[in-house]
Amino acid sequence: MRASPMRSNNLLESVGHATDGLVYVLHRHRHMRYHLLIAAVALLLSAILEVSRVELLLLVTAITLVIMAELANTAVEAVVDLASPEQRPLAKVAKDVSGGVVLAAVVGALLIGAGVFLKQASLEVLQGAGTGRGPHFLHVALVGIVTVILAVILGKLWGRRGSLTKGGIVSAHSALAFFCFVSVWFLTPDIVVRGLAFVLALLVAQSRVEAGIHTVREVLIGVVVALVIGIGMYGLLSVRLGS
């Protein structure tokens, strides 16, 4: 039996089609970009405040559910518009219900966020009276990497250049490389290790220019994104921990 043209024949094609769907939603729906921006802020706060592992998982689950609901809403709207170009009561019901799914997910995410960030321990940290133990390094590093990726995606979307995987106004490779450099800088006082990390980050940035994928300006924007996020996050942690 011959496969349908709409059906993927392998895993890579399926991933490619799924990525196309994400790109479509990110380009066409500003609400999804707002969701990503809020998600980045929430993750940054989780790395700075005294958030437990379970609370972090709850935040990630809430963020994922909101994104899934927005994707499902877009899919339902596309199918309804295809099946019923003219206005019909049932078409409106379908769109309203799919919008309600997004609303329910957002309200649930807000409640989870309120429960995590408005607890006594988090408020004490904001007032400078926390326990001072700080989050685990992996928590900070992973949150930082995810935040850098989200910032790069939003930058590429607003810049309207290149694609999410190649080119664009922000160099993702340069941003991630220099965030790793900032992480190394704050984690070790060894000047040799810091120097090696800087050289490696510089080589990554240079390779993007030499390959013709990014301009010097786009690489520098990626570096600035990494430095702002990395120094801001680790700097706040250092001040809070008194180091």
Protein backbone atom coordinates (compact mmCIF):
# COMPACT_ATOMS: atom_id res chain seq x y z
CA MET A 1 0.00 0.00 0.00
CA ARG A 2 1.44 3.36 -1.02
CA ALA A 3 1.95 5.85 1.75
CA SER A 4 -0.01 9.05 1.74
CA PRO A 5 1.95 12.14 0.66
CA MET A 6 0.97 13.76 3.96
CA ARG A 7 2.48 10.90 5.97
CA SER A 8 6.16 10.87 6.98
CA ASN A 9 8.22 7.85 6.01
CA ASN A 10 10.83 8.17 8.75
CA LEU A 11 11.51 9.79 12.08
CA LEU A 12 13.56 12.67 10.69
CA GLU A 13 10.73 13.68 8.35
CA SER A 14 8.28 13.55 11.24
CA VAL A 15 10.52 15.78 13.33
CA GLY A 16 10.88 18.13 10.36
CA HIS A 17 7.11 18.40 9.92
CA ALA A 18 6.65 18.97 13.66
CA THR A 19 9.27 21.73 13.56
CA ASP A 20 7.45 23.32 10.62
CA GLY A 21 4.30 23.37 12.73
CA LEU A 22 6.07 25.07 15.61
CA VAL A 23 7.61 27.64 13.27
CA TYR A 24 4.19 28.35 11.73
CA VAL A 25 2.59 28.98 15.11
CA LEU A 26 5.50 31.11 16.31
CA HIS A 27 5.41 33.24 13.18
CA ARG A 28 1.63 33.64 12.94
CA HIS A 29 0.50 33.88 16.55
CA ARG A 30 1.98 36.53 18.83
CA HIS A 31 0.37 34.83 21.85
CA MET A 32 2.81 31.95 21.47
CA ARG A 33 5.71 34.40 21.53
CA TYR A 34 4.27 35.94 24.70
CA HIS A 35 4.04 32.47 26.23
CA LEU A 36 7.71 31.82 25.48
CA LEU A 37 8.73 35.18 26.93
CA ILE A 38 6.80 34.53 30.14
CA ALA A 39 8.24 31.00 30.28
CA ALA A 40 11.78 32.41 30.06
CA VAL A 41 11.09 34.84 32.92
CA ALA A 42 9.55 32.07 35.05
CA LEU A 43 12.54 29.79 34.49
CA LEU A 44 14.97 32.58 35.35
CA LEU A 45 13.09 33.26 38.58
CA SER A 46 13.18 29.56 39.42
CA ALA A 47 16.99 29.64 39.20
CA ILE A 48 17.29 32.73 41.38
CA LEU A 49 14.68 31.96 44.04
CA GLU A 50 14.65 28.93 46.33
CA VAL A 51 12.61 26.62 44.10
CA SER A 52 12.70 22.89 44.78
CA ARG A 53 13.07 20.20 42.15
CA VAL A 54 9.39 19.25 42.40
CA GLU A 55 8.34 22.89 42.00
CA LEU A 56 10.60 23.23 38.96
CA LEU A 57 8.99 20.16 37.40
CA LEU A 58 5.56 21.67 38.07
CA LEU A 59 6.62 24.89 36.32
CA VAL A 60 7.98 22.99 33.31
CA THR A 61 4.78 20.91 33.14
CA ALA A 62 2.61 24.04 33.27
CA ILE A 63 4.66 25.73 30.54
CA THR A 64 4.48 22.62 28.37
CA LEU A 65 0.71 22.33 28.78
CA VAL A 66 0.19 25.97 27.75
CA ILE A 67 2.33 25.51 24.63
CA MET A 68 0.53 22.26 23.76
CA ALA A 69 -2.85 23.94 24.20
CA GLU A 70 -1.81 26.81 21.91
CA LEU A 71 -0.62 24.35 19.27
CA ALA A 72 -3.85 22.35 19.49
CA ASN A 73 -5.90 25.55 19.26
CA THR A 74 -4.08 26.57 16.08
CA ALA A 75 -4.58 23.12 14.57
CA VAL A 76 -8.33 23.18 15.34
CA GLU A 77 -8.71 26.66 13.85
CA ALA A 78 -6.90 25.59 10.67
CA VAL A 79 -9.07 22.49 10.25
CA VAL A 80 -12.30 24.43 10.91
CA ASP A 81 -11.33 27.12 8.38
CA LEU A 82 -10.56 24.41 5.82
CA ALA A 83 -13.79 22.46 6.41
CA SER A 84 -16.05 25.49 6.84
CA PRO A 85 -14.80 28.66 5.10
CA GLU A 86 -18.13 30.33 5.69
CA GLN A 87 -19.37 31.25 9.16
CA ARG A 88 -21.39 28.51 10.85
CA PRO A 89 -22.55 28.10 14.47
CA LEU A 90 -20.74 24.78 14.96
CA ALA A 91 -17.53 26.20 13.51
CA LYS A 92 -17.70 28.98 16.07
CA VAL A 93 -18.32 26.45 18.85
CA ALA A 94 -15.25 24.46 17.80
CA LYS A 95 -13.04 27.55 17.82
CA ASP A 96 -14.47 28.81 21.11
CA VAL A 97 -13.91 25.46 22.81
CA SER A 98 -10.33 25.21 21.54
CA GLY A 99 -9.74 28.74 22.80
CA GLY A 100 -11.18 27.67 26.14
CA VAL A 101 -8.58 24.90 26.34
CA VAL A 102 -5.84 27.52 26.05
CA LEU A 103 -7.51 29.69 28.69
CA ALA A 104 -7.80 26.77 31.11
CA ALA A 105 -4.12 25.88 30.60
CA VAL A 106 -3.05 29.49 31.16
CA VAL A 107 -5.13 29.83 34.33
CA GLY A 108 -3.69 26.56 35.64
CA ALA A 109 -0.16 27.74 34.84
CA LEU A 110 -0.78 31.04 36.64
CA LEU A 111 -2.03 29.22 39.72
CA ILE A 112 1.02 26.95 39.74
CA GLY A 113 3.30 29.95 39.27
CA ALA A 114 1.60 31.78 42.13
CA GLY A 115 1.98 28.76 44.37
CA VAL A 116 5.68 28.43 43.56
CA PHE A 117 6.78 32.07 43.60
CA LEU A 118 4.49 33.53 46.26
CA LYS A 119 5.43 31.06 48.99
CA GLN A 120 7.17 32.33 52.12
CA ALA A 121 10.65 31.09 51.17
CA SER A 122 10.59 32.84 47.80
CA LEU A 123 9.36 36.08 49.32
CA GLU A 124 12.15 35.92 51.90
CA VAL A 125 14.71 35.53 49.11
CA LEU A 126 13.33 38.63 47.38
CA GLN A 127 13.68 40.48 50.68
CA GLY A 128 17.26 39.23 51.10
CA ALA A 129 16.43 36.91 54.00
CA GLY A 130 16.57 33.51 52.33
CA THR A 131 18.47 30.47 53.57
CA GLY A 132 21.40 31.29 51.28
CA ARG A 133 21.84 27.69 50.10
CA GLY A 134 21.02 28.56 46.48
CA PRO A 135 19.84 26.21 43.72
CA HIS A 136 21.87 23.29 42.36
CA PHE A 137 24.39 24.10 39.62
CA LEU A 138 22.62 21.86 37.08
CA HIS A 139 19.36 23.71 37.75
CA VAL A 140 21.00 27.06 37.05
CA ALA A 141 22.89 25.82 33.98
CA LEU A 142 19.91 24.09 32.38
CA VAL A 143 17.60 27.03 33.06
CA GLY A 144 20.19 29.38 31.60
CA ILE A 145 20.61 27.30 28.45
CA VAL A 146 16.84 27.05 27.95
CA THR A 147 16.48 30.80 28.52
CA VAL A 148 19.22 31.56 25.99
CA ILE A 149 17.53 29.29 23.43
CA LEU A 150 14.16 30.96 24.00
CA ALA A 151 15.76 34.41 23.69
CA VAL A 152 17.41 33.38 20.42
CA ILE A 153 14.13 32.01 19.04
CA LEU A 154 12.27 35.19 19.93
CA GLY A 155 15.05 37.30 18.43
CA LYS A 156 14.96 35.37 15.18
CA LEU A 157 11.20 35.66 14.98
CA TRP A 158 11.15 39.40 15.62
CA GLY A 159 14.11 39.88 13.29
CA ARG A 160 12.25 38.00 10.51
CA ARG A 161 15.48 36.66 9.04
CA GLY A 162 16.75 33.14 8.51
CA SER A 163 15.11 30.14 10.13
CA LEU A 164 14.98 28.72 13.63
CA THR A 165 17.79 26.29 12.80
CA LYS A 166 20.01 28.36 10.52
CA GLY A 167 20.87 32.02 10.07
CA GLY A 168 18.81 34.80 11.57
CA ILE A 169 19.54 38.01 13.41
CA VAL A 170 20.92 36.13 16.45
CA SER A 171 23.61 33.45 16.33
CA ALA A 172 22.40 30.59 18.54
CA HIS A 173 25.78 28.82 18.53
CA SER A 174 27.59 31.97 19.65
CA ALA A 175 25.01 32.66 22.35
CA LEU A 176 25.23 29.14 23.79
CA ALA A 177 29.04 29.09 23.57
CA PHE A 178 29.41 32.36 25.46
CA PHE A 179 26.81 31.35 28.04
CA CYS A 180 28.96 28.30 28.73
CA PHE A 181 31.96 30.62 29.05
CA VAL A 182 30.10 32.79 31.58
CA SER A 183 29.11 29.65 33.51
CA VAL A 184 32.74 28.53 33.66
CA TRP A 185 33.84 32.02 34.73
CA PHE A 186 31.50 32.04 37.73
CA LEU A 187 32.11 28.39 38.67
CA THR A 188 35.90 28.33 38.82
CA PRO A 189 38.57 30.84 39.82
CA ASP A 190 41.15 29.03 37.67
CA ILE A 191 42.33 31.60 35.12
CA VAL A 192 43.58 28.90 32.74
CA VAL A 193 40.20 27.18 32.61
CA ARG A 194 38.49 30.54 32.14
CA GLY A 195 40.87 31.41 29.31
CA LEU A 196 40.29 28.09 27.55
CA ALA A 197 36.53 28.52 27.85
CA PHE A 198 36.79 31.99 26.32
CA VAL A 199 38.97 30.77 23.44
CA LEU A 200 36.56 27.92 22.67
CA ALA A 201 33.58 30.30 22.69
CA LEU A 202 35.49 32.68 20.44
CA LEU A 203 36.30 29.86 18.00
CA VAL A 204 32.62 28.89 17.83
CA ALA A 205 31.63 32.48 17.06
CA GLN A 206 34.38 32.81 14.45
CA SER A 207 33.30 29.60 12.73
CA ARG A 208 29.77 30.99 12.20
CA VAL A 209 31.21 34.02 10.41
CA GLU A 210 33.73 32.06 8.34
CA ALA A 211 31.02 29.61 7.24
CA GLY A 212 28.92 32.53 5.98
CA ILE A 213 26.00 31.56 8.20
CA HIS A 214 26.06 34.74 10.27
CA THR A 215 27.51 38.21 9.98
CA VAL A 216 29.79 39.70 12.64
CA ARG A 217 26.83 41.80 13.86
CA GLU A 218 24.61 38.73 14.28
CA VAL A 219 27.35 36.91 16.17
CA LEU A 220 27.86 39.92 18.46
CA ILE A 221 24.12 40.04 19.17
CA GLY A 222 24.28 36.40 20.21
CA VAL A 223 27.24 37.16 22.48
CA VAL A 224 25.39 40.07 24.09
CA VAL A 225 22.31 37.90 24.70
CA ALA A 226 24.48 35.29 26.42
CA LEU A 227 26.35 37.84 28.52
CA VAL A 228 23.19 39.63 29.65
CA ILE A 229 21.44 36.41 30.66
CA GLY A 230 24.51 34.72 32.12
CA ILE A 231 26.00 37.64 34.04
CA GLY A 232 22.54 38.74 35.18
CA MET A 233 21.60 35.29 36.47
CA TYR A 234 24.92 34.30 38.04
CA GLY A 235 25.48 37.84 39.31
CA LEU A 236 22.17 37.87 41.16
CA LEU A 237 22.94 34.46 42.61
CA SER A 238 26.38 35.62 43.76
CA VAL A 239 24.88 38.67 45.46
CA ARG A 240 22.17 36.59 47.12
CA LEU A 241 24.65 34.00 48.37
CA GLY A 242 27.08 36.70 49.49
CA SER A 243 29.96 35.28 47.42
